[in-house]
Amino acid sequence: MDDGTFDRWTRSLVPRRGRRAVLAVLAGGALGLLGRTRPDDAAADIAPGTCLLPARACRTAHQCCSLECRGRRCGCAEIGDSCLADAGCCWGYCHNVDNRRAYCTCAIKGHRCASFRECCSGTCDRRGRCTCSKLGQSCTLGLHCCDALVCRSGRCARR
């Protein structure tokens, strides 16, 4: 299914909610059916298709949206780490790869966005598109900078 068809399909499901929220519900439901959200008795208090947000108390990683339970608290997953839902990602959103695996990713310059958290650059403009920081503008990660620029000492710079 191409991106445009998928976007139209997810919009048709629940027009008042964000498409990523719909995807999270669908992915959560599918994972619940597969039993992935309830791998053992320790997770029995977590309803199928749901997960715990970062900083919530946990007993096992599979209870957490981030699939990370450290010190009995859910953590947040970094870009490229496995996840169960958008809320589990420190940045970006949870992308379902093949109905078995999902990982945190982010949208690059020009892609549609509803929130700054969805964009690799951390910037979603008023038109709902991810943008990037230009030469000399502030950044915290190289992903924030446009094209061939890098983030050096908090500013986008040439390589």
C-alpha atoms as a PDB file:
ATOM      1  CA  MET A   1       0.000   0.000   0.000  1.00  0.00           C
ATOM      2  CA  ASP A   2       1.484   3.383  -0.952  1.00  0.00           C
ATOM      3  CA  ASP A   3       1.709   6.324   1.499  1.00  0.00           C
ATOM      4  CA  GLY A   4      -1.199   8.249  -0.033  1.00  0.00           C
ATOM      5  CA  THR A   5      -3.559   5.276   0.103  1.00  0.00           C
ATOM      6  CA  PHE A   6      -2.524   4.520   3.692  1.00  0.00           C
ATOM      7  CA  ASP A   7      -3.045   8.176   4.720  1.00  0.00           C
ATOM      8  CA  ARG A   8      -6.536   8.264   3.165  1.00  0.00           C
ATOM      9  CA  TRP A   9      -7.425   4.934   4.783  1.00  0.00           C
ATOM     10  CA  THR A  10      -6.308   5.982   8.283  1.00  0.00           C
ATOM     11  CA  ARG A  11      -8.103   9.355   7.939  1.00  0.00           C
ATOM     12  CA  SER A  12     -11.319   7.541   7.002  1.00  0.00           C
ATOM     13  CA  LEU A  13     -11.204   5.389  10.144  1.00  0.00           C
ATOM     14  CA  VAL A  14     -11.452   8.171  12.713  1.00  0.00           C
ATOM     15  CA  PRO A  15     -11.557  11.659  11.216  1.00  0.00           C
ATOM     16  CA  ARG A  16     -11.312  13.499  14.562  1.00  0.00           C
ATOM     17  CA  ARG A  17      -8.160  11.755  15.801  1.00  0.00           C
ATOM     18  CA  GLY A  18      -4.655  11.945  14.432  1.00  0.00           C
ATOM     19  CA  ARG A  19      -3.589   9.245  12.001  1.00  0.00           C
ATOM     20  CA  ARG A  20      -0.735   8.254  14.281  1.00  0.00           C
ATOM     21  CA  ALA A  21      -3.201   7.771  17.136  1.00  0.00           C
ATOM     22  CA  VAL A  22      -5.275   5.503  14.889  1.00  0.00           C
ATOM     23  CA  LEU A  23      -2.118   3.592  13.926  1.00  0.00           C
ATOM     24  CA  ALA A  24      -1.190   3.206  17.599  1.00  0.00           C
ATOM     25  CA  VAL A  25      -4.650   1.815  18.394  1.00  0.00           C
ATOM     26  CA  LEU A  26      -4.524  -0.584  15.431  1.00  0.00           C
ATOM     27  CA  ALA A  27      -0.967  -1.701  16.229  1.00  0.00           C
ATOM     28  CA  GLY A  28      -1.842  -2.108  19.894  1.00  0.00           C
ATOM     29  CA  GLY A  29      -4.872  -4.194  18.997  1.00  0.00           C
ATOM     30  CA  ALA A  30      -2.827  -6.391  16.667  1.00  0.00           C
ATOM     31  CA  LEU A  31      -0.135  -6.857  19.306  1.00  0.00           C
ATOM     32  CA  GLY A  32      -2.807  -7.693  21.849  1.00  0.00           C
ATOM     33  CA  LEU A  33      -4.199 -10.370  19.544  1.00  0.00           C
ATOM     34  CA  LEU A  34      -0.713 -11.793  19.115  1.00  0.00           C
ATOM     35  CA  GLY A  35      -0.257 -11.824  22.876  1.00  0.00           C
ATOM     36  CA  ARG A  36       2.831  -9.615  22.685  1.00  0.00           C
ATOM     37  CA  THR A  37       1.564  -7.181  25.323  1.00  0.00           C
ATOM     38  CA  ARG A  38       1.043 -10.031  27.805  1.00  0.00           C
ATOM     39  CA  PRO A  39       4.148 -12.220  27.559  1.00  0.00           C
ATOM     40  CA  ASP A  40       3.975 -13.505  31.124  1.00  0.00           C
ATOM     41  CA  ASP A  41       1.959 -13.383  34.332  1.00  0.00           C
ATOM     42  CA  ALA A  42       3.799 -10.257  35.527  1.00  0.00           C
ATOM     43  CA  ALA A  43       2.060  -8.283  32.773  1.00  0.00           C
ATOM     44  CA  ALA A  44      -1.378  -9.720  33.513  1.00  0.00           C
ATOM     45  CA  ASP A  45      -2.630  -6.392  34.911  1.00  0.00           C
ATOM     46  CA  ILE A  46      -2.058  -4.687  31.538  1.00  0.00           C
ATOM     47  CA  ALA A  47      -5.098  -4.937  29.247  1.00  0.00           C
ATOM     48  CA  PRO A  48      -4.431  -6.234  25.718  1.00  0.00           C
ATOM     49  CA  GLY A  49      -3.614  -3.411  23.320  1.00  0.00           C
ATOM     50  CA  THR A  50      -2.488  -0.986  26.048  1.00  0.00           C
ATOM     51  CA  CYS A  51       0.880  -0.092  27.492  1.00  0.00           C
ATOM     52  CA  LEU A  52       2.364   2.075  30.216  1.00  0.00           C
ATOM     53  CA  LEU A  53       3.743   5.542  29.513  1.00  0.00           C
ATOM     54  CA  PRO A  54       7.337   6.576  30.327  1.00  0.00           C
ATOM     55  CA  ALA A  55       7.936   7.153  34.074  1.00  0.00           C
ATOM     56  CA  ARG A  56       5.046   4.837  35.075  1.00  0.00           C
ATOM     57  CA  ALA A  57       5.791   1.956  37.451  1.00  0.00           C
ATOM     58  CA  CYS A  58       6.463  -1.355  35.686  1.00  0.00           C
ATOM     59  CA  ARG A  59       7.560  -4.915  36.424  1.00  0.00           C
ATOM     60  CA  THR A  60       8.550  -6.031  32.921  1.00  0.00           C
ATOM     61  CA  ALA A  61       9.620  -4.278  29.729  1.00  0.00           C
ATOM     62  CA  HIS A  62       6.600  -5.648  27.833  1.00  0.00           C
ATOM     63  CA  GLN A  63       4.277  -3.557  30.011  1.00  0.00           C
ATOM     64  CA  CYS A  64       5.866  -0.326  28.704  1.00  0.00           C
ATOM     65  CA  CYS A  65       5.051   1.485  25.437  1.00  0.00           C
ATOM     66  CA  SER A  66       8.834   1.837  25.037  1.00  0.00           C
ATOM     67  CA  LEU A  67       9.535  -1.838  25.813  1.00  0.00           C
ATOM     68  CA  GLU A  68      11.992  -0.497  28.428  1.00  0.00           C
ATOM     69  CA  CYS A  69      11.547  -1.026  32.178  1.00  0.00           C
ATOM     70  CA  ARG A  70      14.521   0.209  34.206  1.00  0.00           C
ATOM     71  CA  GLY A  71      14.522   0.574  37.953  1.00  0.00           C
ATOM     72  CA  ARG A  72      10.839  -0.438  37.967  1.00  0.00           C
ATOM     73  CA  ARG A  73       9.918   2.579  35.773  1.00  0.00           C
ATOM     74  CA  CYS A  74       9.112   2.679  32.062  1.00  0.00           C
ATOM     75  CA  GLY A  75      11.728   4.515  30.048  1.00  0.00           C
ATOM     76  CA  CYS A  76      11.431   6.056  26.594  1.00  0.00           C
ATOM     77  CA  ALA A  77      12.803   4.487  23.418  1.00  0.00           C
ATOM     78  CA  GLU A  78      15.300   6.352  21.235  1.00  0.00           C
ATOM     79  CA  ILE A  79      15.137   6.565  17.428  1.00  0.00           C
ATOM     80  CA  GLY A  80      15.725   3.035  16.093  1.00  0.00           C
ATOM     81  CA  ASP A  81      14.689   1.273  19.324  1.00  0.00           C
ATOM     82  CA  SER A  82      11.705  -1.095  19.517  1.00  0.00           C
ATOM     83  CA  CYS A  83       8.369   0.263  20.749  1.00  0.00           C
ATOM     84  CA  LEU A  84       4.677  -0.596  21.165  1.00  0.00           C
ATOM     85  CA  ALA A  85       3.129   2.874  20.741  1.00  0.00           C
ATOM     86  CA  ASP A  86       4.026   6.487  19.880  1.00  0.00           C
ATOM     87  CA  ALA A  87       3.971   7.432  23.557  1.00  0.00           C
ATOM     88  CA  GLY A  88       6.917   5.112  24.198  1.00  0.00           C
ATOM     89  CA  CYS A  89       9.267   7.075  21.931  1.00  0.00           C
ATOM     90  CA  CYS A  90      11.466   9.806  23.413  1.00  0.00           C
ATOM     91  CA  TRP A  91      11.204  11.523  20.028  1.00  0.00           C
ATOM     92  CA  GLY A  92       9.313  10.784  16.837  1.00  0.00           C
ATOM     93  CA  TYR A  93       6.703   8.064  16.581  1.00  0.00           C
ATOM     94  CA  CYS A  94       6.390   4.279  16.674  1.00  0.00           C
ATOM     95  CA  HIS A  95       6.448   2.844  13.136  1.00  0.00           C
ATOM     96  CA  ASN A  96       5.104  -0.673  12.525  1.00  0.00           C
ATOM     97  CA  VAL A  97       7.471  -2.369  10.087  1.00  0.00           C
ATOM     98  CA  ASP A  98       5.881  -5.715   9.288  1.00  0.00           C
ATOM     99  CA  ASN A  99       3.135  -6.410  11.872  1.00  0.00           C
ATOM    100  CA  ARG A 100       5.758  -8.115  14.033  1.00  0.00           C
ATOM    101  CA  ARG A 101       8.258  -5.344  14.718  1.00  0.00           C
ATOM    102  CA  ALA A 102       7.851  -1.646  15.407  1.00  0.00           C
ATOM    103  CA  TYR A 103      10.518   0.943  16.119  1.00  0.00           C
ATOM    104  CA  CYS A 104      10.786   4.642  16.927  1.00  0.00           C
ATOM    105  CA  THR A 105      11.420   6.828  13.902  1.00  0.00           C
ATOM    106  CA  CYS A 106      10.916  10.461  12.906  1.00  0.00           C
ATOM    107  CA  ALA A 107       9.812  12.411   9.839  1.00  0.00           C
ATOM    108  CA  ILE A 108      12.351  14.330   7.737  1.00  0.00           C
ATOM    109  CA  LYS A 109      12.104  17.787   6.165  1.00  0.00           C
ATOM    110  CA  GLY A 110       9.008  18.213   3.999  1.00  0.00           C
ATOM    111  CA  HIS A 111       6.971  15.370   5.502  1.00  0.00           C
ATOM    112  CA  ARG A 112       3.592  16.052   7.095  1.00  0.00           C
ATOM    113  CA  CYS A 113       3.435  16.474  10.866  1.00  0.00           C
ATOM    114  CA  ALA A 114       0.893  17.249  13.559  1.00  0.00           C
ATOM    115  CA  SER A 115       3.440  17.930  16.299  1.00  0.00           C
ATOM    116  CA  PHE A 116       7.097  18.937  16.624  1.00  0.00           C
ATOM    117  CA  ARG A 117       7.748  15.544  18.279  1.00  0.00           C
ATOM    118  CA  GLU A 118       7.101  13.751  14.974  1.00  0.00           C
ATOM    119  CA  CYS A 119       9.891  15.607  13.137  1.00  0.00           C
ATOM    120  CA  CYS A 120      13.563  14.628  13.243  1.00  0.00           C
ATOM    121  CA  SER A 121      14.348  18.336  13.331  1.00  0.00           C
ATOM    122  CA  GLY A 122      11.950  19.003  16.195  1.00  0.00           C
ATOM    123  CA  THR A 123      10.219  21.657  14.068  1.00  0.00           C
ATOM    124  CA  CYS A 124       6.733  21.344  12.555  1.00  0.00           C
ATOM    125  CA  ASP A 125       5.691  24.545  10.747  1.00  0.00           C
ATOM    126  CA  ARG A 126       2.224  26.143  10.637  1.00  0.00           C
ATOM    127  CA  ARG A 127       1.462  24.341   7.380  1.00  0.00           C
ATOM    128  CA  GLY A 128       2.002  20.960   9.091  1.00  0.00           C
ATOM    129  CA  ARG A 129       5.366  20.168   7.463  1.00  0.00           C
ATOM    130  CA  CYS A 130       8.635  19.208   9.115  1.00  0.00           C
ATOM    131  CA  THR A 131      11.332  21.841   8.644  1.00  0.00           C
ATOM    132  CA  CYS A 132      15.003  22.016   9.600  1.00  0.00           C
ATOM    133  CA  SER A 133      17.471  24.435  11.197  1.00  0.00           C
ATOM    134  CA  LYS A 134      19.656  26.414   8.800  1.00  0.00           C
ATOM    135  CA  LEU A 135      23.339  27.331   9.043  1.00  0.00           C
ATOM    136  CA  GLY A 136      23.991  29.100  12.360  1.00  0.00           C
ATOM    137  CA  GLN A 137      20.602  28.260  13.885  1.00  0.00           C
ATOM    138  CA  SER A 138      20.307  26.326  17.143  1.00  0.00           C
ATOM    139  CA  CYS A 139      20.225  22.511  17.316  1.00  0.00           C
ATOM    140  CA  THR A 140      20.746  19.677  19.747  1.00  0.00           C
ATOM    141  CA  LEU A 141      21.094  16.823  17.227  1.00  0.00           C
ATOM    142  CA  GLY A 142      22.434  16.578  13.675  1.00  0.00           C
ATOM    143  CA  LEU A 143      18.912  15.548  12.600  1.00  0.00           C
ATOM    144  CA  HIS A 144      17.752  19.081  13.422  1.00  0.00           C
ATOM    145  CA  CYS A 145      20.000  20.638  10.758  1.00  0.00           C
ATOM    146  CA  CYS A 146      19.220  21.024   7.042  1.00  0.00           C
ATOM    147  CA  ASP A 147      20.890  19.040   4.282  1.00  0.00           C
ATOM    148  CA  ALA A 148      24.648  18.515   4.758  1.00  0.00           C
ATOM    149  CA  LEU A 149      24.934  20.560   7.963  1.00  0.00           C
ATOM    150  CA  VAL A 150      25.956  19.082  11.314  1.00  0.00           C
ATOM    151  CA  CYS A 151      25.144  20.145  14.850  1.00  0.00           C
ATOM    152  CA  ARG A 152      28.304  21.501  16.483  1.00  0.00           C
ATOM    153  CA  SER A 153      28.302  23.280  19.855  1.00  0.00           C
ATOM    154  CA  GLY A 154      24.545  23.829  19.701  1.00  0.00           C
ATOM    155  CA  ARG A 155      24.567  25.430  16.208  1.00  0.00           C
ATOM    156  CA  CYS A 156      24.119  24.031  12.690  1.00  0.00           C
ATOM    157  CA  ALA A 157      27.473  24.201  10.919  1.00  0.00           C
ATOM    158  CA  ARG A 158      29.154  22.994   7.748  1.00  0.00           C
ATOM    159  CA  ARG A 159      30.849  19.607   7.937  1.00  0.00           C
END
